[in-house]
Amino acid sequence: MLIKLKTLVVENHGHRRSASTKEMYVNSNSIISVSDYPAIESFLIMEKMSFAGDRFSLVRVSLGNKIEEIITFGTSAMIYSQISEQSNGKRLLND
């Protein structure tokens, strides 16, 4: 089942960095772990970037032979509830 995640993308432009958001769909069966990521908040404040007041989680996703770490908006409990909510409800075959 695919879940929709709002991710934080930090780009390095040489002497400065910028932060933006991107929506991503991830197969919930590929998620290895979800944990709160408070360290990114202090980084965003130190770099004077937007989103400094938001809460973030680190989602680890299996891509077969490697693991990708994705910074997502929301707490780990919020993401876990989104995964649980979609796996427990009735679904159509092509939903």
N, C-alpha and C. Protein backbone atom coordinates (compact mmCIF):
# COMPACT_ATOMS: atom_id res chain seq x y z
N MET A 1 0.84 -1.18 0.00
CA MET A 1 0.00 0.00 0.00
C MET A 1 0.89 1.24 0.00
N LEU A 2 0.58 2.18 -0.87
CA LEU A 2 1.35 3.42 -0.94
C LEU A 2 0.83 4.42 0.07
N ILE A 3 1.75 5.11 0.72
CA ILE A 3 1.37 6.20 1.61
C ILE A 3 2.03 7.48 1.09
N LYS A 4 1.37 8.59 1.32
CA LYS A 4 1.87 9.89 0.85
C LYS A 4 2.64 10.55 1.98
N LEU A 5 3.89 10.92 1.69
CA LEU A 5 4.74 11.59 2.67
C LEU A 5 5.15 12.96 2.14
N LYS A 6 5.14 13.94 3.01
CA LYS A 6 5.66 15.27 2.68
C LYS A 6 7.10 15.31 3.18
N THR A 7 8.05 15.47 2.27
CA THR A 7 9.46 15.37 2.63
C THR A 7 10.14 16.73 2.61
N LEU A 8 11.23 16.81 3.36
CA LEU A 8 12.07 18.00 3.40
C LEU A 8 13.30 17.73 2.54
N VAL A 9 13.57 18.63 1.61
CA VAL A 9 14.74 18.51 0.74
C VAL A 9 15.67 19.67 1.04
N VAL A 10 16.88 19.37 1.50
CA VAL A 10 17.90 20.40 1.77
C VAL A 10 18.92 20.34 0.65
N GLU A 11 19.09 21.47 -0.03
CA GLU A 11 20.02 21.54 -1.16
C GLU A 11 21.19 22.45 -0.80
N ASN A 12 22.37 22.02 -1.20
CA ASN A 12 23.59 22.78 -0.95
C ASN A 12 23.96 23.53 -2.23
N HIS A 13 24.02 24.85 -2.14
CA HIS A 13 24.36 25.70 -3.29
C HIS A 13 25.73 26.35 -3.08
N GLY A 14 26.71 25.58 -2.70
CA GLY A 14 28.05 26.12 -2.45
C GLY A 14 28.12 26.84 -1.13
N HIS A 15 27.98 28.14 -1.15
CA HIS A 15 28.11 28.95 0.07
C HIS A 15 26.82 29.07 0.87
N ARG A 16 25.72 28.61 0.34
CA ARG A 16 24.45 28.68 1.08
C ARG A 16 23.63 27.42 0.83
N ARG A 17 22.67 27.19 1.72
CA ARG A 17 21.78 26.04 1.61
C ARG A 17 20.34 26.52 1.55
N SER A 18 19.49 25.71 0.93
CA SER A 18 18.07 26.04 0.89
C SER A 18 17.26 24.80 1.23
N ALA A 19 16.05 25.03 1.71
CA ALA A 19 15.16 23.93 2.06
C ALA A 19 13.85 24.09 1.30
N SER A 20 13.34 22.96 0.82
CA SER A 20 12.05 22.96 0.12
C SER A 20 11.31 21.68 0.47
N THR A 21 10.07 21.59 0.03
CA THR A 21 9.27 20.40 0.31
C THR A 21 8.99 19.65 -0.99
N LYS A 22 8.72 18.37 -0.84
CA LYS A 22 8.36 17.54 -1.98
C LYS A 22 7.44 16.45 -1.46
N GLU A 23 6.40 16.13 -2.22
CA GLU A 23 5.52 15.03 -1.84
C GLU A 23 6.02 13.77 -2.51
N MET A 24 5.94 12.66 -1.76
CA MET A 24 6.46 11.40 -2.25
C MET A 24 5.51 10.29 -1.82
N TYR A 25 5.34 9.30 -2.67
CA TYR A 25 4.55 8.12 -2.35
C TYR A 25 5.50 6.96 -2.11
N VAL A 26 5.34 6.28 -0.98
CA VAL A 26 6.24 5.20 -0.58
C VAL A 26 5.40 3.96 -0.29
N ASN A 27 5.89 2.81 -0.73
CA ASN A 27 5.24 1.54 -0.41
C ASN A 27 5.47 1.27 1.08
N SER A 28 4.41 1.15 1.85
CA SER A 28 4.54 0.97 3.30
C SER A 28 5.25 -0.34 3.65
N ASN A 29 5.22 -1.32 2.75
CA ASN A 29 5.94 -2.58 3.00
C ASN A 29 7.45 -2.41 2.92
N SER A 30 7.93 -1.33 2.29
CA SER A 30 9.36 -1.08 2.15
C SER A 30 9.94 -0.27 3.30
N ILE A 31 9.08 0.23 4.18
CA ILE A 31 9.57 1.05 5.31
C ILE A 31 10.18 0.14 6.36
N ILE A 32 11.44 0.43 6.70
CA ILE A 32 12.17 -0.36 7.69
C ILE A 32 11.95 0.22 9.09
N SER A 33 12.08 1.54 9.20
CA SER A 33 11.90 2.17 10.51
C SER A 33 11.49 3.63 10.34
N VAL A 34 10.85 4.15 11.40
CA VAL A 34 10.46 5.55 11.48
C VAL A 34 10.84 6.04 12.86
N SER A 35 11.60 7.13 12.92
CA SER A 35 11.98 7.67 14.23
C SER A 35 11.91 9.20 14.19
N ASP A 36 11.61 9.79 15.35
CA ASP A 36 11.61 11.25 15.45
C ASP A 36 13.02 11.76 15.15
N TYR A 37 13.10 12.94 14.54
CA TYR A 37 14.39 13.49 14.10
C TYR A 37 14.53 14.93 14.58
N PRO A 38 14.73 15.14 15.89
CA PRO A 38 14.81 16.50 16.41
C PRO A 38 16.08 17.24 16.00
N ALA A 39 17.13 16.54 15.58
CA ALA A 39 18.40 17.18 15.21
C ALA A 39 18.24 18.11 14.01
N ILE A 40 17.32 17.79 13.11
CA ILE A 40 17.13 18.63 11.92
C ILE A 40 16.55 19.98 12.30
N GLU A 41 15.78 20.04 13.38
CA GLU A 41 15.20 21.30 13.81
C GLU A 41 16.29 22.30 14.19
N SER A 42 17.28 21.85 14.95
CA SER A 42 18.37 22.75 15.35
C SER A 42 19.20 23.16 14.14
N PHE A 43 19.37 22.26 13.17
CA PHE A 43 20.08 22.58 11.94
C PHE A 43 19.35 23.68 11.17
N LEU A 44 18.03 23.56 11.05
CA LEU A 44 17.25 24.55 10.32
C LEU A 44 17.29 25.92 11.01
N ILE A 45 17.26 25.91 12.34
CA ILE A 45 17.36 27.17 13.09
C ILE A 45 18.74 27.79 12.90
N MET A 46 19.78 26.98 12.99
CA MET A 46 21.15 27.47 12.84
C MET A 46 21.38 28.04 11.44
N GLU A 47 20.80 27.42 10.44
CA GLU A 47 20.96 27.88 9.05
C GLU A 47 19.94 28.97 8.68
N LYS A 48 19.06 29.34 9.62
CA LYS A 48 18.02 30.36 9.43
C LYS A 48 17.13 30.02 8.23
N MET A 49 16.70 28.77 8.17
CA MET A 49 15.83 28.31 7.09
C MET A 49 14.39 28.26 7.57
N SER A 50 13.48 28.26 6.60
CA SER A 50 12.07 28.10 6.96
C SER A 50 11.85 26.68 7.45
N PHE A 51 10.70 26.40 7.96
CA PHE A 51 10.30 25.11 8.53
C PHE A 51 10.97 24.83 9.88
N ALA A 52 11.62 25.80 10.49
CA ALA A 52 12.34 25.58 11.75
C ALA A 52 11.40 25.21 12.89
N GLY A 53 10.14 25.59 12.84
CA GLY A 53 9.21 25.28 13.91
C GLY A 53 8.46 23.97 13.75
N ASP A 54 8.69 23.28 12.64
CA ASP A 54 7.97 22.03 12.36
C ASP A 54 8.64 20.84 13.03
N ARG A 55 7.90 19.73 13.12
CA ARG A 55 8.43 18.47 13.65
C ARG A 55 8.75 17.55 12.49
N PHE A 56 9.82 16.75 12.64
CA PHE A 56 10.27 15.90 11.55
C PHE A 56 10.56 14.49 12.04
N SER A 57 10.52 13.55 11.09
CA SER A 57 10.88 12.16 11.35
C SER A 57 11.85 11.70 10.28
N LEU A 58 12.62 10.69 10.62
CA LEU A 58 13.53 10.06 9.67
C LEU A 58 12.94 8.70 9.32
N VAL A 59 12.61 8.52 8.04
CA VAL A 59 12.02 7.28 7.56
C VAL A 59 13.09 6.54 6.76
N ARG A 60 13.35 5.29 7.14
CA ARG A 60 14.31 4.46 6.41
C ARG A 60 13.54 3.50 5.52
N VAL A 61 13.86 3.55 4.21
CA VAL A 61 13.14 2.76 3.21
C VAL A 61 14.12 1.83 2.52
N SER A 62 13.74 0.55 2.39
CA SER A 62 14.56 -0.43 1.70
C SER A 62 14.35 -0.30 0.19
N LEU A 63 15.47 -0.19 -0.53
CA LEU A 63 15.43 -0.12 -1.99
C LEU A 63 16.09 -1.36 -2.59
N GLY A 64 15.92 -2.49 -1.94
CA GLY A 64 16.54 -3.73 -2.39
C GLY A 64 17.90 -3.92 -1.75
N ASN A 65 18.94 -3.46 -2.43
CA ASN A 65 20.29 -3.65 -1.92
C ASN A 65 20.82 -2.44 -1.15
N LYS A 66 20.03 -1.39 -1.00
CA LYS A 66 20.46 -0.24 -0.20
C LYS A 66 19.28 0.35 0.56
N ILE A 67 19.59 1.23 1.50
CA ILE A 67 18.57 1.86 2.34
C ILE A 67 18.64 3.36 2.12
N GLU A 68 17.48 3.97 1.86
CA GLU A 68 17.41 5.42 1.69
C GLU A 68 16.78 6.03 2.94
N GLU A 69 17.37 7.12 3.41
CA GLU A 69 16.82 7.85 4.55
C GLU A 69 16.11 9.09 4.04
N ILE A 70 14.86 9.26 4.46
CA ILE A 70 14.02 10.36 4.00
C ILE A 70 13.59 11.18 5.21
N ILE A 71 13.78 12.48 5.16
CA ILE A 71 13.32 13.38 6.21
C ILE A 71 11.89 13.79 5.87
N THR A 72 10.96 13.47 6.76
CA THR A 72 9.55 13.76 6.51
C THR A 72 8.97 14.68 7.58
N PHE A 73 7.93 15.40 7.21
CA PHE A 73 7.22 16.25 8.16
C PHE A 73 6.35 15.38 9.06
N GLY A 74 6.27 15.74 10.32
CA GLY A 74 5.42 15.03 11.27
C GLY A 74 6.22 14.13 12.20
N THR A 75 5.61 13.75 13.30
CA THR A 75 6.26 12.88 14.27
C THR A 75 6.19 11.43 13.78
N SER A 76 6.99 10.59 14.40
CA SER A 76 6.97 9.17 14.04
C SER A 76 5.60 8.55 14.35
N ALA A 77 4.96 9.01 15.41
CA ALA A 77 3.63 8.51 15.76
C ALA A 77 2.60 8.87 14.69
N MET A 78 2.72 10.05 14.12
CA MET A 78 1.80 10.47 13.06
C MET A 78 1.98 9.60 11.81
N ILE A 79 3.21 9.33 11.46
CA ILE A 79 3.48 8.51 10.27
C ILE A 79 3.06 7.07 10.51
N TYR A 80 3.34 6.55 11.71
CA TYR A 80 2.92 5.19 12.04
C TYR A 80 1.40 5.05 11.97
N SER A 81 0.68 6.05 12.47
CA SER A 81 -0.78 5.98 12.43
C SER A 81 -1.29 6.04 11.00
N GLN A 82 -0.61 6.78 10.13
CA GLN A 82 -0.99 6.82 8.72
C GLN A 82 -0.80 5.45 8.06
N ILE A 83 0.28 4.76 8.40
CA ILE A 83 0.53 3.42 7.87
C ILE A 83 -0.51 2.45 8.40
N SER A 84 -0.77 2.49 9.70
CA SER A 84 -1.74 1.58 10.33
C SER A 84 -3.14 1.81 9.80
N GLU A 85 -3.51 3.07 9.63
CA GLU A 85 -4.84 3.43 9.16
C GLU A 85 -5.10 2.85 7.77
N GLN A 86 -4.12 2.91 6.90
CA GLN A 86 -4.32 2.42 5.54
C GLN A 86 -4.28 0.90 5.47
N SER A 87 -3.54 0.26 6.36
CA SER A 87 -3.46 -1.21 6.29
C SER A 87 -4.65 -1.90 6.96
N ASN A 88 -5.38 -1.21 7.83
CA ASN A 88 -6.50 -1.80 8.54
C ASN A 88 -7.85 -1.64 7.84
N GLY A 89 -7.99 -0.61 7.04
CA GLY A 89 -9.28 -0.33 6.43
C GLY A 89 -9.57 -1.21 5.22
N LYS A 90 -10.84 -1.24 4.85
CA LYS A 90 -11.24 -1.97 3.65
C LYS A 90 -10.78 -1.16 2.44
N ARG A 91 -10.32 -1.88 1.41
CA ARG A 91 -9.83 -1.22 0.22
C ARG A 91 -10.40 -1.89 -1.03
N LEU A 92 -10.50 -1.12 -2.09
CA LEU A 92 -10.84 -1.68 -3.37
C LEU A 92 -9.60 -2.32 -3.97
N LEU A 93 -9.77 -3.22 -4.90
CA LEU A 93 -8.64 -3.91 -5.51
C LEU A 93 -7.65 -2.95 -6.14
N ASN A 94 -8.12 -1.93 -6.84
CA ASN A 94 -7.23 -0.99 -7.52
C ASN A 94 -7.09 0.33 -6.78
N ASP A 95 -7.38 0.38 -5.52
CA ASP A 95 -7.32 1.60 -4.72
C ASP A 95 -5.91 1.88 -4.28
